[in-house]
Amino acid sequence: MRTTTPRRRWRSGTEPATARSDLKLRFLLSLAFTPLFALATLGFALWAAASPAFGAPSRGTLIGFAVACGVLTLFAAVDLAVVVRRRRTEL
């Protein structure tokens, strides 16, 4: 009987086996977009609070945009923390 070997991920041969992401670029992007998304969240939330109930755009749409920007803020902040931790351990 033939034993099965675990399937390896296919590689084209041009990338290194231990490839890592560009931490400097991720740091700069996270540093730029965390406050941008936080301000957008605040702006959409304030706009939704001040908008009339049946205005255009609707209050629900503005709340949806505020929630989406809040999720992106959280994602960028977590990525920033991960990048900072990795940069500290590599030095």
PDB file of N, CA and C in Angstrom:
ATOM      1  N   MET A   1       0.816  -1.168   0.000  1.00  0.00           N
ATOM      2  CA  MET A   1       0.000   0.000   0.000  1.00  0.00           C
ATOM      3  C   MET A   1       0.873   1.249   0.000  1.00  0.00           C
ATOM      4  N   ARG A   2       0.430   2.231  -0.697  1.00  0.00           N
ATOM      5  CA  ARG A   2       1.192   3.468  -0.817  1.00  0.00           C
ATOM      6  C   ARG A   2       0.761   4.450   0.278  1.00  0.00           C
ATOM      7  N   THR A   3       1.733   5.028   0.935  1.00  0.00           N
ATOM      8  CA  THR A   3       1.395   6.003   1.971  1.00  0.00           C
ATOM      9  C   THR A   3       1.166   7.368   1.322  1.00  0.00           C
ATOM     10  N   THR A   4       0.263   8.095   1.897  1.00  0.00           N
ATOM     11  CA  THR A   4      -0.028   9.416   1.347  1.00  0.00           C
ATOM     12  C   THR A   4       0.859  10.446   2.023  1.00  0.00           C
ATOM     13  N   THR A   5       1.355  11.344   1.241  1.00  0.00           N
ATOM     14  CA  THR A   5       2.156  12.426   1.777  1.00  0.00           C
ATOM     15  C   THR A   5       1.307  13.684   1.768  1.00  0.00           C
ATOM     16  N   PRO A   6       1.540  14.559   2.710  1.00  0.00           N
ATOM     17  CA  PRO A   6       0.744  15.793   2.722  1.00  0.00           C
ATOM     18  C   PRO A   6       1.049  16.632   1.480  1.00  0.00           C
ATOM     19  N   ARG A   7       0.003  17.219   0.947  1.00  0.00           N
ATOM     20  CA  ARG A   7       0.185  18.048  -0.239  1.00  0.00           C
ATOM     21  C   ARG A   7       0.873  19.341   0.152  1.00  0.00           C
ATOM     22  N   ARG A   8       1.839  19.689  -0.619  1.00  0.00           N
ATOM     23  CA  ARG A   8       2.523  20.953  -0.397  1.00  0.00           C
ATOM     24  C   ARG A   8       1.913  22.010  -1.278  1.00  0.00           C
ATOM     25  N   ARG A   9       2.032  23.219  -0.829  1.00  0.00           N
ATOM     26  CA  ARG A   9       1.526  24.320  -1.616  1.00  0.00           C
ATOM     27  C   ARG A   9       2.427  24.518  -2.821  1.00  0.00           C
ATOM     28  N   TRP A  10       1.824  24.697  -3.982  1.00  0.00           N
ATOM     29  CA  TRP A  10       2.596  24.843  -5.198  1.00  0.00           C
ATOM     30  C   TRP A  10       3.317  26.170  -5.214  1.00  0.00           C
ATOM     31  N   ARG A  11       4.586  26.129  -5.595  1.00  0.00           N
ATOM     32  CA  ARG A  11       5.387  27.337  -5.710  1.00  0.00           C
ATOM     33  C   ARG A  11       5.914  27.438  -7.124  1.00  0.00           C
ATOM     34  N   SER A  12       5.982  28.659  -7.625  1.00  0.00           N
ATOM     35  CA  SER A  12       6.487  28.855  -8.982  1.00  0.00           C
ATOM     36  C   SER A  12       8.001  28.771  -9.034  1.00  0.00           C
ATOM     37  N   GLY A  13       8.648  28.920  -7.884  1.00  0.00           N
ATOM     38  CA  GLY A  13      10.094  28.831  -7.847  1.00  0.00           C
ATOM     39  C   GLY A  13      10.784  30.179  -7.838  1.00  0.00           C
ATOM     40  N   THR A  14      10.044  31.250  -8.026  1.00  0.00           N
ATOM     41  CA  THR A  14      10.679  32.564  -8.058  1.00  0.00           C
ATOM     42  C   THR A  14      10.620  33.269  -6.711  1.00  0.00           C
ATOM     43  N   GLU A  15       9.730  32.858  -5.825  1.00  0.00           N
ATOM     44  CA  GLU A  15       9.634  33.515  -4.534  1.00  0.00           C
ATOM     45  C   GLU A  15      10.442  32.740  -3.495  1.00  0.00           C
ATOM     46  N   PRO A  16      10.968  33.438  -2.501  1.00  0.00           N
ATOM     47  CA  PRO A  16      11.726  32.730  -1.469  1.00  0.00           C
ATOM     48  C   PRO A  16      10.797  31.874  -0.601  1.00  0.00           C
ATOM     49  N   ALA A  17      11.344  30.849  -0.040  1.00  0.00           N
ATOM     50  CA  ALA A  17      10.548  29.932   0.780  1.00  0.00           C
ATOM     51  C   ALA A  17      10.059  30.594   2.058  1.00  0.00           C
ATOM     52  N   THR A  18      10.791  31.577   2.542  1.00  0.00           N
ATOM     53  CA  THR A  18      10.412  32.246   3.784  1.00  0.00           C
ATOM     54  C   THR A  18      10.028  33.696   3.511  1.00  0.00           C
ATOM     55  N   ALA A  19       9.204  33.927   2.517  1.00  0.00           N
ATOM     56  CA  ALA A  19       8.812  35.291   2.144  1.00  0.00           C
ATOM     57  C   ALA A  19       7.989  35.930   3.257  1.00  0.00           C
ATOM     58  N   ARG A  20       8.237  37.205   3.478  1.00  0.00           N
ATOM     59  CA  ARG A  20       7.507  37.970   4.484  1.00  0.00           C
ATOM     60  C   ARG A  20       6.984  39.236   3.831  1.00  0.00           C
ATOM     61  N   SER A  21       5.973  39.803   4.424  1.00  0.00           N
ATOM     62  CA  SER A  21       5.417  41.028   3.870  1.00  0.00           C
ATOM     63  C   SER A  21       6.321  42.217   4.187  1.00  0.00           C
ATOM     64  N   ASP A  22       6.163  43.265   3.415  1.00  0.00           N
ATOM     65  CA  ASP A  22       6.951  44.479   3.619  1.00  0.00           C
ATOM     66  C   ASP A  22       6.398  45.224   4.838  1.00  0.00           C
ATOM     67  N   LEU A  23       7.075  45.103   5.952  1.00  0.00           N
ATOM     68  CA  LEU A  23       6.583  45.685   7.201  1.00  0.00           C
ATOM     69  C   LEU A  23       6.609  47.203   7.180  1.00  0.00           C
ATOM     70  N   LYS A  24       7.573  47.773   6.483  1.00  0.00           N
ATOM     71  CA  LYS A  24       7.654  49.234   6.427  1.00  0.00           C
ATOM     72  C   LYS A  24       6.447  49.813   5.698  1.00  0.00           C
ATOM     73  N   LEU A  25       6.059  49.201   4.585  1.00  0.00           N
ATOM     74  CA  LEU A  25       4.893  49.666   3.837  1.00  0.00           C
ATOM     75  C   LEU A  25       3.608  49.450   4.632  1.00  0.00           C
ATOM     76  N   ARG A  26       3.479  48.289   5.259  1.00  0.00           N
ATOM     77  CA  ARG A  26       2.292  48.032   6.083  1.00  0.00           C
ATOM     78  C   ARG A  26       2.207  49.007   7.239  1.00  0.00           C
ATOM     79  N   PHE A  27       3.349  49.356   7.831  1.00  0.00           N
ATOM     80  CA  PHE A  27       3.374  50.320   8.918  1.00  0.00           C
ATOM     81  C   PHE A  27       2.902  51.690   8.442  1.00  0.00           C
ATOM     82  N   LEU A  28       3.424  52.141   7.304  1.00  0.00           N
ATOM     83  CA  LEU A  28       3.037  53.447   6.781  1.00  0.00           C
ATOM     84  C   LEU A  28       1.553  53.488   6.393  1.00  0.00           C
ATOM     85  N   LEU A  29       1.063  52.436   5.761  1.00  0.00           N
ATOM     86  CA  LEU A  29      -0.350  52.402   5.371  1.00  0.00           C
ATOM     87  C   LEU A  29      -1.264  52.366   6.593  1.00  0.00           C
ATOM     88  N   SER A  30      -0.925  51.553   7.572  1.00  0.00           N
ATOM     89  CA  SER A  30      -1.741  51.490   8.792  1.00  0.00           C
ATOM     90  C   SER A  30      -1.688  52.805   9.551  1.00  0.00           C
ATOM     91  N   LEU A  31      -0.520  53.425   9.578  1.00  0.00           N
ATOM     92  CA  LEU A  31      -0.366  54.699  10.268  1.00  0.00           C
ATOM     93  C   LEU A  31      -1.176  55.797   9.585  1.00  0.00           C
ATOM     94  N   ALA A  32      -1.286  55.733   8.266  1.00  0.00           N
ATOM     95  CA  ALA A  32      -2.048  56.745   7.534  1.00  0.00           C
ATOM     96  C   ALA A  32      -3.553  56.498   7.606  1.00  0.00           C
ATOM     97  N   PHE A  33      -3.968  55.234   7.495  1.00  0.00           N
ATOM     98  CA  PHE A  33      -5.385  54.954   7.368  1.00  0.00           C
ATOM     99  C   PHE A  33      -6.121  54.781   8.691  1.00  0.00           C
ATOM    100  N   THR A  34      -5.441  54.501   9.787  1.00  0.00           N
ATOM    101  CA  THR A  34      -6.130  54.385  11.069  1.00  0.00           C
ATOM    102  C   THR A  34      -6.809  55.703  11.456  1.00  0.00           C
ATOM    103  N   PRO A  35      -6.109  56.838  11.460  1.00  0.00           N
ATOM    104  CA  PRO A  35      -6.818  58.085  11.794  1.00  0.00           C
ATOM    105  C   PRO A  35      -7.807  58.511  10.716  1.00  0.00           C
ATOM    106  N   LEU A  36      -7.525  58.204   9.452  1.00  0.00           N
ATOM    107  CA  LEU A  36      -8.440  58.560   8.372  1.00  0.00           C
ATOM    108  C   LEU A  36      -9.785  57.844   8.540  1.00  0.00           C
ATOM    109  N   PHE A  37      -9.744  56.549   8.788  1.00  0.00           N
ATOM    110  CA  PHE A  37     -10.981  55.797   8.991  1.00  0.00           C
ATOM    111  C   PHE A  37     -11.672  56.203  10.292  1.00  0.00           C
ATOM    112  N   ALA A  38     -10.894  56.546  11.317  1.00  0.00           N
ATOM    113  CA  ALA A  38     -11.496  56.995  12.578  1.00  0.00           C
ATOM    114  C   ALA A  38     -12.245  58.315  12.369  1.00  0.00           C
ATOM    115  N   LEU A  39     -11.658  59.234  11.611  1.00  0.00           N
ATOM    116  CA  LEU A  39     -12.339  60.493  11.317  1.00  0.00           C
ATOM    117  C   LEU A  39     -13.571  60.272  10.449  1.00  0.00           C
ATOM    118  N   ALA A  40     -13.482  59.356   9.498  1.00  0.00           N
ATOM    119  CA  ALA A  40     -14.644  59.046   8.664  1.00  0.00           C
ATOM    120  C   ALA A  40     -15.767  58.433   9.504  1.00  0.00           C
ATOM    121  N   THR A  41     -15.409  57.576  10.450  1.00  0.00           N
ATOM    122  CA  THR A  41     -16.408  56.995  11.354  1.00  0.00           C
ATOM    123  C   THR A  41     -17.106  58.087  12.150  1.00  0.00           C
ATOM    124  N   LEU A  42     -16.321  58.986  12.710  1.00  0.00           N
ATOM    125  CA  LEU A  42     -16.881  60.079  13.480  1.00  0.00           C
ATOM    126  C   LEU A  42     -17.752  60.978  12.615  1.00  0.00           C
ATOM    127  N   GLY A  43     -17.293  61.283  11.415  1.00  0.00           N
ATOM    128  CA  GLY A  43     -18.062  62.133  10.507  1.00  0.00           C
ATOM    129  C   GLY A  43     -19.390  61.522  10.111  1.00  0.00           C
ATOM    130  N   PHE A  44     -19.377  60.255   9.732  1.00  0.00           N
ATOM    131  CA  PHE A  44     -20.634  59.593   9.355  1.00  0.00           C
ATOM    132  C   PHE A  44     -21.575  59.456  10.549  1.00  0.00           C
ATOM    133  N   ALA A  45     -21.018  59.205  11.732  1.00  0.00           N
ATOM    134  CA  ALA A  45     -21.863  59.086  12.923  1.00  0.00           C
ATOM    135  C   ALA A  45     -22.521  60.419  13.266  1.00  0.00           C
ATOM    136  N   LEU A  46     -21.755  61.496  13.185  1.00  0.00           N
ATOM    137  CA  LEU A  46     -22.335  62.818  13.460  1.00  0.00           C
ATOM    138  C   LEU A  46     -23.350  63.212  12.397  1.00  0.00           C
ATOM    139  N   TRP A  47     -23.066  62.892  11.147  1.00  0.00           N
ATOM    140  CA  TRP A  47     -23.993  63.188  10.055  1.00  0.00           C
ATOM    141  C   TRP A  47     -25.295  62.412  10.236  1.00  0.00           C
ATOM    142  N   ALA A  48     -25.175  61.131  10.638  1.00  0.00           N
ATOM    143  CA  ALA A  48     -26.369  60.317  10.866  1.00  0.00           C
ATOM    144  C   ALA A  48     -27.186  60.855  12.036  1.00  0.00           C
ATOM    145  N   ALA A  49     -26.510  61.341  13.064  1.00  0.00           N
ATOM    146  CA  ALA A  49     -27.223  61.877  14.226  1.00  0.00           C
ATOM    147  C   ALA A  49     -27.957  63.168  13.890  1.00  0.00           C
ATOM    148  N   ALA A  50     -27.419  63.964  12.982  1.00  0.00           N
ATOM    149  CA  ALA A  50     -28.018  65.251  12.648  1.00  0.00           C
ATOM    150  C   ALA A  50     -28.979  65.190  11.464  1.00  0.00           C
ATOM    151  N   SER A  51     -29.041  64.044  10.787  1.00  0.00           N
ATOM    152  CA  SER A  51     -29.880  63.962   9.586  1.00  0.00           C
ATOM    153  C   SER A  51     -31.344  63.747   9.956  1.00  0.00           C
ATOM    154  N   PRO A  52     -32.256  64.242   9.124  1.00  0.00           N
ATOM    155  CA  PRO A  52     -33.682  63.991   9.384  1.00  0.00           C
ATOM    156  C   PRO A  52     -34.012  62.519   9.129  1.00  0.00           C
ATOM    157  N   ALA A  53     -35.118  62.088   9.683  1.00  0.00           N
ATOM    158  CA  ALA A  53     -35.481  60.672   9.613  1.00  0.00           C
ATOM    159  C   ALA A  53     -35.674  60.187   8.182  1.00  0.00           C
ATOM    160  N   PHE A  54     -36.239  61.015   7.317  1.00  0.00           N
ATOM    161  CA  PHE A  54     -36.504  60.569   5.950  1.00  0.00           C
ATOM    162  C   PHE A  54     -35.729  61.393   4.929  1.00  0.00           C
ATOM    163  N   GLY A  55     -34.542  61.818   5.277  1.00  0.00           N
ATOM    164  CA  GLY A  55     -33.713  62.609   4.380  1.00  0.00           C
ATOM    165  C   GLY A  55     -32.977  61.731   3.384  1.00  0.00           C
ATOM    166  N   ALA A  56     -32.252  62.391   2.505  1.00  0.00           N
ATOM    167  CA  ALA A  56     -31.434  61.653   1.542  1.00  0.00           C
ATOM    168  C   ALA A  56     -29.995  62.076   1.760  1.00  0.00           C
ATOM    169  N   PRO A  57     -29.069  61.238   2.030  1.00  0.00           N
ATOM    170  CA  PRO A  57     -29.174  59.796   2.227  1.00  0.00           C
ATOM    171  C   PRO A  57     -29.863  59.458   3.554  1.00  0.00           C
ATOM    172  N   SER A  58     -30.382  58.271   3.613  1.00  0.00           N
ATOM    173  CA  SER A  58     -31.147  57.891   4.801  1.00  0.00           C
ATOM    174  C   SER A  58     -30.229  57.708   6.009  1.00  0.00           C
ATOM    175  N   ARG A  59     -30.821  57.793   7.169  1.00  0.00           N
ATOM    176  CA  ARG A  59     -30.067  57.624   8.405  1.00  0.00           C
ATOM    177  C   ARG A  59     -29.451  56.223   8.485  1.00  0.00           C
ATOM    178  N   GLY A  60     -30.164  55.221   8.003  1.00  0.00           N
ATOM    179  CA  GLY A  60     -29.645  53.851   8.017  1.00  0.00           C
ATOM    180  C   GLY A  60     -28.414  53.692   7.142  1.00  0.00           C
ATOM    181  N   THR A  61     -28.404  54.362   5.995  1.00  0.00           N
ATOM    182  CA  THR A  61     -27.241  54.316   5.112  1.00  0.00           C
ATOM    183  C   THR A  61     -26.028  54.944   5.785  1.00  0.00           C
ATOM    184  N   LEU A  62     -26.243  56.085   6.431  1.00  0.00           N
ATOM    185  CA  LEU A  62     -25.135  56.754   7.108  1.00  0.00           C
ATOM    186  C   LEU A  62     -24.615  55.934   8.279  1.00  0.00           C
ATOM    187  N   ILE A  63     -25.514  55.279   8.988  1.00  0.00           N
ATOM    188  CA  ILE A  63     -25.087  54.402  10.082  1.00  0.00           C
ATOM    189  C   ILE A  63     -24.292  53.225   9.531  1.00  0.00           C
ATOM    190  N   GLY A  64     -24.734  52.697   8.399  1.00  0.00           N
ATOM    191  CA  GLY A  64     -23.992  51.607   7.752  1.00  0.00           C
ATOM    192  C   GLY A  64     -22.581  52.026   7.363  1.00  0.00           C
ATOM    193  N   PHE A  65     -22.449  53.241   6.808  1.00  0.00           N
ATOM    194  CA  PHE A  65     -21.120  53.742   6.461  1.00  0.00           C
ATOM    195  C   PHE A  65     -20.267  53.950   7.714  1.00  0.00           C
ATOM    196  N   ALA A  66     -20.873  54.430   8.784  1.00  0.00           N
ATOM    197  CA  ALA A  66     -20.137  54.626  10.033  1.00  0.00           C
ATOM    198  C   ALA A  66     -19.648  53.292  10.594  1.00  0.00           C
ATOM    199  N   VAL A  67     -20.489  52.277  10.536  1.00  0.00           N
ATOM    200  CA  VAL A  67     -20.092  50.949  11.024  1.00  0.00           C
ATOM    201  C   VAL A  67     -18.980  50.370  10.156  1.00  0.00           C
ATOM    202  N   ALA A  68     -19.104  50.515   8.836  1.00  0.00           N
ATOM    203  CA  ALA A  68     -18.075  50.000   7.928  1.00  0.00           C
ATOM    204  C   ALA A  68     -16.738  50.697   8.180  1.00  0.00           C
ATOM    205  N   CYS A  69     -16.768  52.006   8.342  1.00  0.00           N
ATOM    206  CA  CYS A  69     -15.530  52.738   8.628  1.00  0.00           C
ATOM    207  C   CYS A  69     -14.977  52.358   9.996  1.00  0.00           C
ATOM    208  N   GLY A  70     -15.847  52.079  10.957  1.00  0.00           N
ATOM    209  CA  GLY A  70     -15.396  51.627  12.269  1.00  0.00           C
ATOM    210  C   GLY A  70     -14.688  50.282  12.197  1.00  0.00           C
ATOM    211  N   VAL A  71     -15.222  49.382  11.389  1.00  0.00           N
ATOM    212  CA  VAL A  71     -14.576  48.072  11.207  1.00  0.00           C
ATOM    213  C   VAL A  71     -13.216  48.253  10.534  1.00  0.00           C
ATOM    214  N   LEU A  72     -13.139  49.116   9.538  1.00  0.00           N
ATOM    215  CA  LEU A  72     -11.860  49.379   8.878  1.00  0.00           C
ATOM    216  C   LEU A  72     -10.865  50.038   9.826  1.00  0.00           C
ATOM    217  N   THR A  73     -11.350  50.905  10.714  1.00  0.00           N
ATOM    218  CA  THR A  73     -10.483  51.508  11.726  1.00  0.00           C
ATOM    219  C   THR A  73      -9.913  50.436  12.638  1.00  0.00           C
ATOM    220  N   LEU A  74     -10.773  49.535  13.083  1.00  0.00           N
ATOM    221  CA  LEU A  74     -10.327  48.448  13.951  1.00  0.00           C
ATOM    222  C   LEU A  74      -9.309  47.559  13.241  1.00  0.00           C
ATOM    223  N   PHE A  75      -9.569  47.225  11.986  1.00  0.00           N
ATOM    224  CA  PHE A  75      -8.658  46.389  11.207  1.00  0.00           C
ATOM    225  C   PHE A  75      -7.297  47.067  11.052  1.00  0.00           C
ATOM    226  N   ALA A  76      -7.287  48.359  10.726  1.00  0.00           N
ATOM    227  CA  ALA A  76      -6.030  49.088  10.544  1.00  0.00           C
ATOM    228  C   ALA A  76      -5.272  49.207  11.856  1.00  0.00           C
ATOM    229  N   ALA A  77      -5.983  49.415  12.960  1.00  0.00           N
ATOM    230  CA  ALA A  77      -5.320  49.542  14.264  1.00  0.00           C
ATOM    231  C   ALA A  77      -4.702  48.214  14.701  1.00  0.00           C
ATOM    232  N   VAL A  78      -5.407  47.116  14.469  1.00  0.00           N
ATOM    233  CA  VAL A  78      -4.860  45.798  14.812  1.00  0.00           C
ATOM    234  C   VAL A  78      -3.645  45.498  13.947  1.00  0.00           C
ATOM    235  N   ASP A  79      -3.726  45.823  12.659  1.00  0.00           N
ATOM    236  CA  ASP A  79      -2.591  45.602  11.771  1.00  0.00           C
ATOM    237  C   ASP A  79      -1.400  46.449  12.208  1.00  0.00           C
ATOM    238  N   LEU A  80      -1.651  47.673  12.635  1.00  0.00           N
ATOM    239  CA  LEU A  80      -0.575  48.534  13.124  1.00  0.00           C
ATOM    240  C   LEU A  80       0.084  47.923  14.356  1.00  0.00           C
ATOM    241  N   ALA A  81      -0.702  47.383  15.260  1.00  0.00           N
ATOM    242  CA  ALA A  81      -0.146  46.751  16.460  1.00  0.00           C
ATOM    243  C   ALA A  81       0.672  45.514  16.103  1.00  0.00           C
ATOM    244  N   VAL A  82       0.199  44.727  15.150  1.00  0.00           N
ATOM    245  CA  VAL A  82       0.933  43.529  14.728  1.00  0.00           C
ATOM    246  C   VAL A  82       2.257  43.919  14.083  1.00  0.00           C
ATOM    247  N   VAL A  83       2.237  44.930  13.235  1.00  0.00           N
ATOM    248  CA  VAL A  83       3.460  45.359  12.552  1.00  0.00           C
ATOM    249  C   VAL A  83       4.468  45.914  13.555  1.00  0.00           C
ATOM    250  N   VAL A  84       4.012  46.706  14.508  1.00  0.00           N
ATOM    251  CA  VAL A  84       4.919  47.255  15.520  1.00  0.00           C
ATOM    252  C   VAL A  84       5.543  46.122  16.330  1.00  0.00           C
ATOM    253  N   ARG A  85       4.742  45.130  16.715  1.00  0.00           N
ATOM    254  CA  ARG A  85       5.269  43.997  17.467  1.00  0.00           C
ATOM    255  C   ARG A  85       6.301  43.213  16.661  1.00  0.00           C
ATOM    256  N   ARG A  86       6.011  42.979  15.374  1.00  0.00           N
ATOM    257  CA  ARG A  86       6.959  42.238  14.531  1.00  0.00           C
ATOM    258  C   ARG A  86       8.250  43.014  14.307  1.00  0.00           C
ATOM    259  N   ARG A  87       8.145  44.331  14.148  1.00  0.00           N
ATOM    260  CA  ARG A  87       9.350  45.133  13.923  1.00  0.00           C
ATOM    261  C   ARG A  87      10.220  45.146  15.176  1.00  0.00           C
ATOM    262  N   ARG A  88       9.600  45.131  16.346  1.00  0.00           N
ATOM    263  CA  ARG A  88      10.385  45.106  17.588  1.00  0.00           C
ATOM    264  C   ARG A  88      11.107  43.777  17.769  1.00  0.00           C
ATOM    265  N   THR A  89      10.466  42.682  17.398  1.00  0.00           N
ATOM    266  CA  THR A  89      11.091  41.374  17.581  1.00  0.00           C
ATOM    267  C   THR A  89      12.169  41.102  16.548  1.00  0.00           C
ATOM    268  N   GLU A  90      12.094  41.754  15.385  1.00  0.00           N
ATOM    269  CA  GLU A  90      13.088  41.516  14.353  1.00  0.00           C
ATOM    270  C   GLU A  90      14.377  42.277  14.606  1.00  0.00           C
ATOM    271  N   LEU A  91      14.324  43.362  15.345  1.00  0.00           N
ATOM    272  CA  LEU A  91      15.528  44.166  15.536  1.00  0.00           C
ATOM    273  C   LEU A  91      16.457  43.583  16.539  1.00  0.00           C
TER     274      LEU A  91
END
